[in-house]
Protein backbone atom coordinates (compact mmCIF):
# COMPACT_ATOMS: atom_id res chain seq x y z
CA MET A 1 96.52 26.14 -4.78
CA ASN A 2 93.99 23.89 -6.47
CA GLU A 3 95.27 20.93 -4.45
CA LEU A 4 94.68 22.85 -1.20
CA GLN A 5 91.16 23.74 -2.32
CA ASN A 6 90.44 20.10 -3.27
CA GLN A 7 91.78 18.89 0.05
CA SER A 8 89.68 21.47 1.90
CA THR A 9 86.61 20.38 -0.06
CA GLN A 10 87.28 16.72 0.74
CA ASN A 11 87.74 17.48 4.44
CA GLY A 12 84.50 19.42 4.41
CA GLY A 13 82.72 16.52 2.72
CA VAL A 14 84.11 14.07 5.28
CA GLN A 15 82.99 16.29 8.15
CA ALA A 16 79.54 16.66 6.61
CA LEU A 17 79.32 12.87 6.20
CA GLU A 18 80.38 12.32 9.80
CA GLU A 19 77.76 14.86 10.91
CA LEU A 20 75.08 13.04 8.94
CA LYS A 21 76.11 9.75 10.52
CA ARG A 22 75.92 11.25 14.00
CA ASN A 23 72.50 12.74 13.25
CA ALA A 24 71.24 9.43 11.87
CA GLU A 25 72.53 7.60 14.94
CA ALA A 26 70.86 10.15 17.21
CA VAL A 27 67.56 9.70 15.35
CA LYS A 28 67.84 5.93 15.71
CA ASN A 29 68.56 6.21 19.42
CA GLN A 30 65.57 8.49 19.82
CA ALA A 31 63.38 6.05 17.89
CA ARG A 32 64.67 3.16 20.03
CA GLN A 33 63.81 5.11 23.19
CA ILE A 34 60.31 5.79 21.88
CA LEU A 35 59.79 2.09 21.16
CA ILE A 36 61.16 1.08 24.55
CA GLU A 37 58.75 3.38 26.38
CA ALA A 38 55.87 2.25 24.16
CA GLU A 39 56.65 -1.44 24.67
CA ALA A 40 57.63 -1.16 28.35
CA GLU A 41 56.25 -3.98 30.46
CA ALA A 42 57.90 -2.99 33.73
CA VAL A 43 60.46 -0.72 35.34
CA VAL A 44 62.85 -2.49 37.71
CA ALA A 45 65.38 -1.14 40.19
CA GLU A 46 68.01 -2.90 42.26
CA PHE A 47 68.78 -2.30 45.94
CA ASP A 48 71.87 -3.13 47.96
CA ASN A 49 70.50 -5.24 50.80
CA PRO A 50 67.28 -6.61 52.38
CA ALA A 51 66.81 -3.62 54.69
CA GLU A 52 66.87 -1.18 51.78
CA LEU A 53 64.49 -3.40 49.82
CA LEU A 54 62.08 -3.46 52.75
CA ARG A 55 62.13 0.33 53.12
CA ALA A 56 61.75 0.81 49.37
CA ALA A 57 58.76 -1.55 49.23
CA LYS A 58 57.00 0.49 51.89
CA LYS A 59 57.69 3.72 49.99
CA VAL A 60 56.40 2.21 46.73
CA ARG A 61 53.17 1.22 48.46
CA GLU A 62 52.82 4.64 50.09
CA ALA A 63 53.32 6.28 46.69
CA GLY A 64 50.12 4.60 45.48
CA TYR A 65 51.54 1.81 43.33
CA ASP A 66 49.67 -1.48 43.74
CA ARG A 67 50.96 -3.61 40.87
CA PHE A 68 54.54 -4.16 41.94
CA GLU A 69 56.62 -7.09 43.05
CA CYS A 70 59.68 -7.49 45.26
CA TYR A 71 62.32 -10.10 44.48
CA SER A 72 64.83 -11.51 46.93
CA PRO A 73 66.92 -14.73 47.04
CA PHE A 74 65.34 -15.51 50.43
CA PRO A 75 62.22 -14.54 52.44
CA ILE A 76 62.41 -11.19 54.25
CA HIS A 77 60.51 -10.82 57.51
CA GLY A 78 57.97 -8.01 57.33
CA MET A 79 57.86 -7.83 53.53
CA ASP A 80 54.16 -8.75 53.37
CA GLU A 81 53.27 -5.83 55.63
CA ALA A 82 55.58 -3.45 53.76
CA MET A 83 53.94 -4.36 50.45
CA GLY A 84 50.43 -4.21 51.93
CA LEU A 85 49.63 -7.79 51.00
CA ARG A 86 46.54 -9.42 52.43
CA PRO A 87 46.78 -12.83 54.13
CA SER A 88 46.55 -15.73 51.73
CA PRO A 89 43.07 -17.27 51.43
CA LEU A 90 44.61 -20.69 50.77
CA GLY A 91 44.19 -21.86 54.37
CA TYR A 92 40.46 -21.11 54.36
CA ILE A 93 40.06 -22.85 51.00
CA VAL A 94 41.91 -25.96 52.20
CA PHE A 95 39.87 -26.09 55.42
CA THR A 96 36.57 -25.77 53.57
CA VAL A 97 37.34 -28.47 50.99
CA GLY A 98 38.85 -30.76 53.62
CA PHE A 99 35.73 -30.41 55.78
CA CYS A 100 33.58 -31.19 52.75
CA GLY A 101 35.69 -34.32 52.15
CA PHE A 102 35.14 -35.29 55.79
CA LEU A 103 31.37 -34.90 55.46
CA PHE A 104 31.38 -36.76 52.15
CA ALA A 105 33.17 -39.71 53.80
CA ILE A 106 30.50 -39.88 56.50
CA TRP A 107 27.71 -39.72 53.94
CA LEU A 108 29.31 -42.29 51.65
CA GLN A 109 29.75 -44.86 54.42
CA TRP A 110 26.30 -44.22 55.83
CA TRP A 111 24.72 -44.68 52.38
CA THR A 112 26.59 -47.87 51.54
CA ASN A 113 26.20 -49.50 54.97
CA VAL A 114 22.74 -48.33 56.03
CA VAL A 115 20.75 -47.61 52.86
CA ASP A 116 22.20 -49.28 49.80
CA TYR A 117 23.60 -52.57 51.13
CA PRO A 118 23.07 -53.06 54.89
CA LEU A 119 24.92 -55.98 56.46
CA VAL A 120 25.21 -57.14 60.06
CA PHE A 121 28.81 -57.59 61.27
CA SER A 122 29.19 -59.19 64.73
CA GLY A 123 25.96 -57.66 65.87
CA LYS A 124 27.24 -54.11 65.31
CA PRO A 125 24.83 -51.35 64.23
CA TYR A 126 24.70 -50.44 60.57
CA PHE A 127 25.99 -46.95 61.31
CA SER A 128 29.12 -47.71 63.34
CA LEU A 129 30.96 -44.43 63.63
CA PRO A 130 34.25 -45.74 65.11
CA ALA A 131 34.66 -48.04 62.12
CA PHE A 132 34.18 -45.10 59.78
CA VAL A 133 36.96 -42.96 61.29
CA PRO A 134 39.86 -44.19 59.07
CA VAL A 135 37.99 -43.46 55.85
CA MET A 136 36.81 -40.08 57.19
CA PHE A 137 40.39 -39.15 58.07
CA GLU A 138 41.91 -40.38 54.82
CA LEU A 139 39.38 -38.65 52.60
CA MET A 140 39.74 -35.41 54.54
CA VAL A 141 43.54 -35.50 54.18
CA LEU A 142 43.34 -36.46 50.50
CA THR A 143 41.01 -33.61 49.53
CA SER A 144 42.99 -31.12 51.64
CA ALA A 145 46.30 -32.11 50.05
CA PHE A 146 45.02 -31.85 46.48
CA THR A 147 43.31 -28.54 47.27
CA ALA A 148 46.50 -27.11 48.78
CA ILE A 149 48.57 -28.02 45.70
CA ILE A 150 46.02 -26.94 43.10
CA GLY A 151 45.11 -23.80 45.06
CA MET A 152 48.77 -22.80 45.43
CA PHE A 153 49.32 -23.11 41.69
CA TYR A 154 46.13 -21.18 40.91
CA LEU A 155 46.73 -18.32 43.37
CA ASN A 156 50.35 -17.98 42.20
CA LYS A 157 49.21 -18.00 38.55
CA MET A 158 51.36 -21.03 37.85
CA PRO A 159 52.60 -22.58 35.69
CA ARG A 160 53.68 -19.44 33.88
CA PHE A 161 55.98 -19.97 30.94
CA TYR A 162 56.43 -16.26 30.20
CA HIS A 163 57.11 -13.31 32.47
CA PRO A 164 58.23 -9.78 31.55
CA MET A 165 61.19 -10.00 33.92
CA PHE A 166 62.72 -12.74 31.76
CA HIS A 167 63.79 -9.97 29.36
CA SER A 168 66.15 -8.46 31.97
CA ASP A 169 69.56 -10.12 31.88
CA ARG A 170 70.68 -8.56 35.16
CA PHE A 171 67.53 -9.72 36.93
CA THR A 172 67.76 -13.31 35.68
CA ALA A 173 71.42 -13.45 36.69
CA LYS A 174 71.06 -12.06 40.23
CA ALA A 175 67.48 -12.48 41.47
CA THR A 176 68.10 -15.97 42.87
CA ASP A 177 71.68 -15.27 43.97
CA ASP A 178 72.47 -11.92 45.60
CA GLY A 179 70.14 -9.34 44.01
CA PHE A 180 67.27 -7.42 45.57
CA PHE A 181 64.80 -5.94 43.08
CA ILE A 182 61.51 -4.07 42.90
CA ALA A 183 59.54 -4.05 39.65
CA ILE A 184 56.48 -1.93 38.89
CA PHE A 185 54.44 -3.40 36.05
CA MET A 186 52.59 -1.87 33.15
CA TRP A 187 49.15 -2.86 34.47
CA ASP A 188 49.54 -0.47 37.39
CA LYS A 189 47.13 2.45 36.96
CA LYS A 190 49.95 4.93 37.70
CA PHE A 191 52.44 3.36 35.31
CA ASN A 192 54.64 5.99 33.65
CA VAL A 193 58.20 5.13 32.68
CA LYS A 194 59.74 8.55 33.35
CA GLU A 195 57.92 9.08 36.64
CA ILE A 196 58.78 5.62 37.93
CA ARG A 197 62.42 6.02 36.93
CA ALA A 198 62.62 9.32 38.82
CA PHE A 199 60.81 7.78 41.79
CA PHE A 200 63.23 4.84 41.99
CA GLU A 201 66.16 7.25 41.87
CA SER A 202 64.67 9.24 44.75
CA ILE A 203 64.40 6.17 47.01
CA GLY A 204 67.90 4.89 46.30
CA GLY A 205 67.29 2.45 43.46
CA LYS A 206 70.26 1.45 41.32
CA ASN A 207 70.66 -0.08 37.86
CA ILE A 208 67.18 1.10 36.91
CA GLU A 209 66.01 -0.66 33.79
CA VAL A 210 62.96 -0.47 31.54
CA VAL A 211 61.95 -4.06 30.85
CA HIS A 212 60.57 -4.61 27.37
CA ARG A 213 60.37 -7.21 24.69
CA PRO A 214 63.32 -7.45 22.27
CA ILE A 215 63.26 -4.66 19.66
CA ASP A 216 64.99 -5.34 16.34
CA ASP A 217 66.56 -2.88 13.93
CA ALA A 218 63.75 -3.32 11.39
CA GLU A 219 61.23 -1.83 13.83
CA ILE A 220 63.53 1.11 14.49
CA GLU A 221 64.01 1.74 10.76
CA GLN A 222 60.26 1.56 10.23
CA LEU A 223 59.64 4.11 12.98
CA VAL A 224 62.35 6.43 11.60
CA SER A 225 60.84 6.18 8.12
CA SER A 226 57.36 6.97 9.44
CA GLN A 227 58.70 10.02 11.28
CA LYS A 228 60.40 11.20 8.09
CA MET A 229 57.13 10.81 6.16
CA GLU A 230 55.31 12.88 8.77
CA VAL A 231 57.95 15.58 8.50
CA VAL A 232 57.57 15.61 4.69
CA LYS A 233 53.81 15.89 4.96
């Protein structure tokens, strides 16, 4: 009889211990979820093909989000319009700087040949425009080329050695191969993890992921301890 009671007590203790473990694990998962939402840098969803990505981009823009990005292994015709992107100003910048280089070449040759050190060559006038054309052309092309390269890097915010999407293993594995993604970033004025997740589900997004920096167990334990202290207080 005593053995049965002892066995029953042991079973009850084991069940209580298992229950405590489950509760502790649930608390940790809840703390992890809180940290993920607090540290979220973006919410990303995957789509099956370019057509779905194009339709989803239009819906994201119509929903009022303006800090989002679409990722595809290749350019998709009509994506700029779907995202509401303005034409790039790079062409105007290159034209302006190239024209300034053209004018500078004219001024430089005029100054050196007419003002600073005038010389007579075969009876030609000091300001001989046909002779200046090669330098005018070369300086215009040189300034335009450097402006195009530097301007492209600047407008694309490059080089960039860190990006929130680097934390997503699925994105880094598929974005340049066969994956089609939309990411809404934390600097969007409407950023809300739960709302964005529900929105992506409503427009057919799959493999929805909250992108965040790596969270270690020590941070989770610290958050759990702080919650326990608040409960005690």
